[in-house]
Amino acid sequence: MRKYVGSLIGVDQGNEEVFSDFASGGDMWTGHGARERRKKVKFSEPFRSIPTVQVSLSLWDMDQGANVRADIVADKVSETGFDLVFRTWSDTRVARVRMSWTAIGEVASDDDWELY
């Protein structure tokens, strides 16, 4: 559990299209090739320390002819941003994915002093 003492808490959020492969016949839709997609997200302003980031699917367009398989994570989280990651495997065919995210963490205050 993260505990914040005497600091401002900031919440940043967004909704990002990670990929859309069905129109172009991309790897996710054909079920062959790279089965991972990443999208870099930059926060609207930097956090004071690495925030907690939660991600979820806000749109998934999958082929109904196979099992639906998905692994979603926030990777490489820093004070300034992170990577949204969507992975699938086996015969799952994915047309497109949109993911929502929320970041919560410490932010700087106008009253903060930098002595050195």
C-alpha atoms as a PDB file:
ATOM      1  CA  MET A   1       0.000   0.000   0.000  1.00  0.00           C
ATOM      2  CA  ARG A   2       1.246   3.459  -0.854  1.00  0.00           C
ATOM      3  CA  LYS A   3       0.748   6.123   1.795  1.00  0.00           C
ATOM      4  CA  TYR A   4       1.022   9.841   1.044  1.00  0.00           C
ATOM      5  CA  VAL A   5       1.807  12.196   3.902  1.00  0.00           C
ATOM      6  CA  GLY A   6       1.193  15.916   3.671  1.00  0.00           C
ATOM      7  CA  SER A   7       1.329  16.231  -0.103  1.00  0.00           C
ATOM      8  CA  LEU A   8      -1.023  17.015  -2.930  1.00  0.00           C
ATOM      9  CA  ILE A   9      -2.546  14.057  -4.755  1.00  0.00           C
ATOM     10  CA  GLY A  10      -3.045  14.334  -8.501  1.00  0.00           C
ATOM     11  CA  VAL A  11      -5.293  12.238 -10.740  1.00  0.00           C
ATOM     12  CA  ASP A  12      -4.726  12.110 -14.491  1.00  0.00           C
ATOM     13  CA  GLN A  13      -6.739   9.960 -16.872  1.00  0.00           C
ATOM     14  CA  GLY A  14      -7.299   9.219 -20.512  1.00  0.00           C
ATOM     15  CA  ASN A  15      -8.759   6.936 -23.169  1.00  0.00           C
ATOM     16  CA  GLU A  16      -6.444   5.826 -25.991  1.00  0.00           C
ATOM     17  CA  GLU A  17      -6.911   3.810 -29.159  1.00  0.00           C
ATOM     18  CA  VAL A  18      -4.066   1.287 -28.951  1.00  0.00           C
ATOM     19  CA  PHE A  19      -4.526  -0.163 -32.457  1.00  0.00           C
ATOM     20  CA  SER A  20      -7.006  -0.804 -35.258  1.00  0.00           C
ATOM     21  CA  ASP A  21      -5.904  -3.712 -37.477  1.00  0.00           C
ATOM     22  CA  PHE A  22      -9.066  -4.937 -39.210  1.00  0.00           C
ATOM     23  CA  ALA A  23      -9.097  -2.439 -42.099  1.00  0.00           C
ATOM     24  CA  SER A  24      -5.411  -2.917 -42.946  1.00  0.00           C
ATOM     25  CA  GLY A  25      -5.229  -6.685 -42.413  1.00  0.00           C
ATOM     26  CA  GLY A  26      -2.724  -6.212 -39.582  1.00  0.00           C
ATOM     27  CA  ASP A  27      -1.180  -8.964 -37.460  1.00  0.00           C
ATOM     28  CA  MET A  28      -3.717  -8.771 -34.639  1.00  0.00           C
ATOM     29  CA  TRP A  29      -6.605  -9.277 -37.077  1.00  0.00           C
ATOM     30  CA  THR A  30      -5.000 -12.015 -39.183  1.00  0.00           C
ATOM     31  CA  GLY A  31      -3.860 -13.890 -36.063  1.00  0.00           C
ATOM     32  CA  HIS A  32      -0.250 -14.123 -37.250  1.00  0.00           C
ATOM     33  CA  GLY A  33       2.885 -12.171 -36.416  1.00  0.00           C
ATOM     34  CA  ALA A  34       3.398  -9.762 -33.520  1.00  0.00           C
ATOM     35  CA  ARG A  35       0.784 -10.348 -30.858  1.00  0.00           C
ATOM     36  CA  GLU A  36       1.604  -7.359 -28.667  1.00  0.00           C
ATOM     37  CA  ARG A  37       0.887  -3.669 -29.123  1.00  0.00           C
ATOM     38  CA  ARG A  38       2.235  -0.774 -27.058  1.00  0.00           C
ATOM     39  CA  LYS A  39       1.228   2.863 -26.957  1.00  0.00           C
ATOM     40  CA  LYS A  40       3.213   5.519 -25.116  1.00  0.00           C
ATOM     41  CA  VAL A  41       1.185   7.804 -22.871  1.00  0.00           C
ATOM     42  CA  LYS A  42       2.482  11.108 -21.534  1.00  0.00           C
ATOM     43  CA  PHE A  43       0.864  12.566 -18.408  1.00  0.00           C
ATOM     44  CA  SER A  44      -0.569  16.094 -18.662  1.00  0.00           C
ATOM     45  CA  GLU A  45       2.076  17.145 -16.117  1.00  0.00           C
ATOM     46  CA  PRO A  46       4.783  15.195 -14.278  1.00  0.00           C
ATOM     47  CA  PHE A  47       4.087  13.522 -10.952  1.00  0.00           C
ATOM     48  CA  ARG A  48       6.458  14.101  -8.024  1.00  0.00           C
ATOM     49  CA  SER A  49       7.135  10.357  -7.773  1.00  0.00           C
ATOM     50  CA  ILE A  50       6.082   7.313  -9.776  1.00  0.00           C
ATOM     51  CA  PRO A  51       2.249   7.163  -9.650  1.00  0.00           C
ATOM     52  CA  THR A  52      -0.025   4.161  -9.439  1.00  0.00           C
ATOM     53  CA  VAL A  53      -1.578   3.469 -12.865  1.00  0.00           C
ATOM     54  CA  GLN A  54      -4.665   1.360 -13.522  1.00  0.00           C
ATOM     55  CA  VAL A  55      -5.703   0.340 -17.039  1.00  0.00           C
ATOM     56  CA  SER A  56      -8.881  -1.207 -18.446  1.00  0.00           C
ATOM     57  CA  LEU A  57     -10.401  -2.040 -21.822  1.00  0.00           C
ATOM     58  CA  SER A  58     -12.893   0.573 -22.970  1.00  0.00           C
ATOM     59  CA  LEU A  59     -13.401  -1.031 -26.407  1.00  0.00           C
ATOM     60  CA  TRP A  60     -12.472  -4.440 -27.719  1.00  0.00           C
ATOM     61  CA  ASP A  61     -13.572  -5.666 -31.105  1.00  0.00           C
ATOM     62  CA  MET A  62     -12.849  -9.402 -31.330  1.00  0.00           C
ATOM     63  CA  ASP A  63     -13.606 -12.136 -33.843  1.00  0.00           C
ATOM     64  CA  GLN A  64     -16.317 -14.435 -32.499  1.00  0.00           C
ATOM     65  CA  GLY A  65     -14.791 -17.551 -34.109  1.00  0.00           C
ATOM     66  CA  ALA A  66     -12.088 -18.074 -31.451  1.00  0.00           C
ATOM     67  CA  ASN A  67     -11.583 -17.707 -27.719  1.00  0.00           C
ATOM     68  CA  VAL A  68     -11.151 -14.159 -26.443  1.00  0.00           C
ATOM     69  CA  ARG A  69      -7.718 -13.828 -24.840  1.00  0.00           C
ATOM     70  CA  ALA A  70      -6.220 -10.585 -23.569  1.00  0.00           C
ATOM     71  CA  ASP A  71      -3.516  -9.430 -21.196  1.00  0.00           C
ATOM     72  CA  ILE A  72      -3.453  -5.680 -20.466  1.00  0.00           C
ATOM     73  CA  VAL A  73      -0.901  -3.820 -18.349  1.00  0.00           C
ATOM     74  CA  ALA A  74       0.729  -0.472 -17.676  1.00  0.00           C
ATOM     75  CA  ASP A  75       4.475  -0.926 -18.268  1.00  0.00           C
ATOM     76  CA  LYS A  76       7.532   1.293 -17.813  1.00  0.00           C
ATOM     77  CA  VAL A  77       5.667   3.682 -15.497  1.00  0.00           C
ATOM     78  CA  SER A  78       7.622   6.855 -14.683  1.00  0.00           C
ATOM     79  CA  GLU A  79       6.838  10.313 -13.327  1.00  0.00           C
ATOM     80  CA  THR A  80       6.131  11.543 -16.864  1.00  0.00           C
ATOM     81  CA  GLY A  81       4.266   8.646 -18.513  1.00  0.00           C
ATOM     82  CA  PHE A  82       4.005   4.921 -19.244  1.00  0.00           C
ATOM     83  CA  ASP A  83       3.298   2.330 -21.948  1.00  0.00           C
ATOM     84  CA  LEU A  84      -0.189   0.883 -22.442  1.00  0.00           C
ATOM     85  CA  VAL A  85       0.292  -2.780 -23.392  1.00  0.00           C
ATOM     86  CA  PHE A  86      -2.200  -5.187 -24.997  1.00  0.00           C
ATOM     87  CA  ARG A  87      -1.220  -8.823 -25.652  1.00  0.00           C
ATOM     88  CA  THR A  88      -3.055 -11.812 -27.055  1.00  0.00           C
ATOM     89  CA  TRP A  89      -2.056 -15.298 -28.188  1.00  0.00           C
ATOM     90  CA  SER A  90      -3.082 -18.488 -29.980  1.00  0.00           C
ATOM     91  CA  ASP A  91      -5.907 -18.110 -32.542  1.00  0.00           C
ATOM     92  CA  THR A  92      -7.529 -14.992 -31.039  1.00  0.00           C
ATOM     93  CA  ARG A  93      -8.217 -12.339 -33.679  1.00  0.00           C
ATOM     94  CA  VAL A  94      -8.510  -8.728 -32.566  1.00  0.00           C
ATOM     95  CA  ALA A  95      -9.834  -5.985 -34.834  1.00  0.00           C
ATOM     96  CA  ARG A  96      -9.213  -3.028 -32.517  1.00  0.00           C
ATOM     97  CA  VAL A  97      -8.652  -2.054 -28.909  1.00  0.00           C
ATOM     98  CA  ARG A  98      -9.123   1.136 -26.923  1.00  0.00           C
ATOM     99  CA  MET A  99      -7.896   1.351 -23.326  1.00  0.00           C
ATOM    100  CA  SER A 100      -8.722   3.713 -20.475  1.00  0.00           C
ATOM    101  CA  TRP A 101      -6.213   4.621 -17.794  1.00  0.00           C
ATOM    102  CA  THR A 102      -6.070   6.445 -14.480  1.00  0.00           C
ATOM    103  CA  ALA A 103      -2.881   7.590 -12.731  1.00  0.00           C
ATOM    104  CA  ILE A 104      -2.887   8.634  -9.066  1.00  0.00           C
ATOM    105  CA  GLY A 105       0.122  10.005  -7.217  1.00  0.00           C
ATOM    106  CA  GLU A 106       1.934  12.845  -5.542  1.00  0.00           C
ATOM    107  CA  VAL A 107       2.176  16.155  -7.387  1.00  0.00           C
ATOM    108  CA  ALA A 108       4.247  19.242  -6.680  1.00  0.00           C
ATOM    109  CA  SER A 109       2.780  22.144  -4.749  1.00  0.00           C
ATOM    110  CA  ASP A 110       3.383  25.856  -5.293  1.00  0.00           C
ATOM    111  CA  ASP A 111       4.559  25.851  -1.660  1.00  0.00           C
ATOM    112  CA  ASP A 112       7.331  23.287  -2.271  1.00  0.00           C
ATOM    113  CA  TRP A 113      10.848  24.612  -1.781  1.00  0.00           C
ATOM    114  CA  GLU A 114      13.898  23.439  -3.672  1.00  0.00           C
ATOM    115  CA  LEU A 115      16.931  24.377  -1.575  1.00  0.00           C
ATOM    116  CA  TYR A 116      19.633  22.820  -3.749  1.00  0.00           C
END
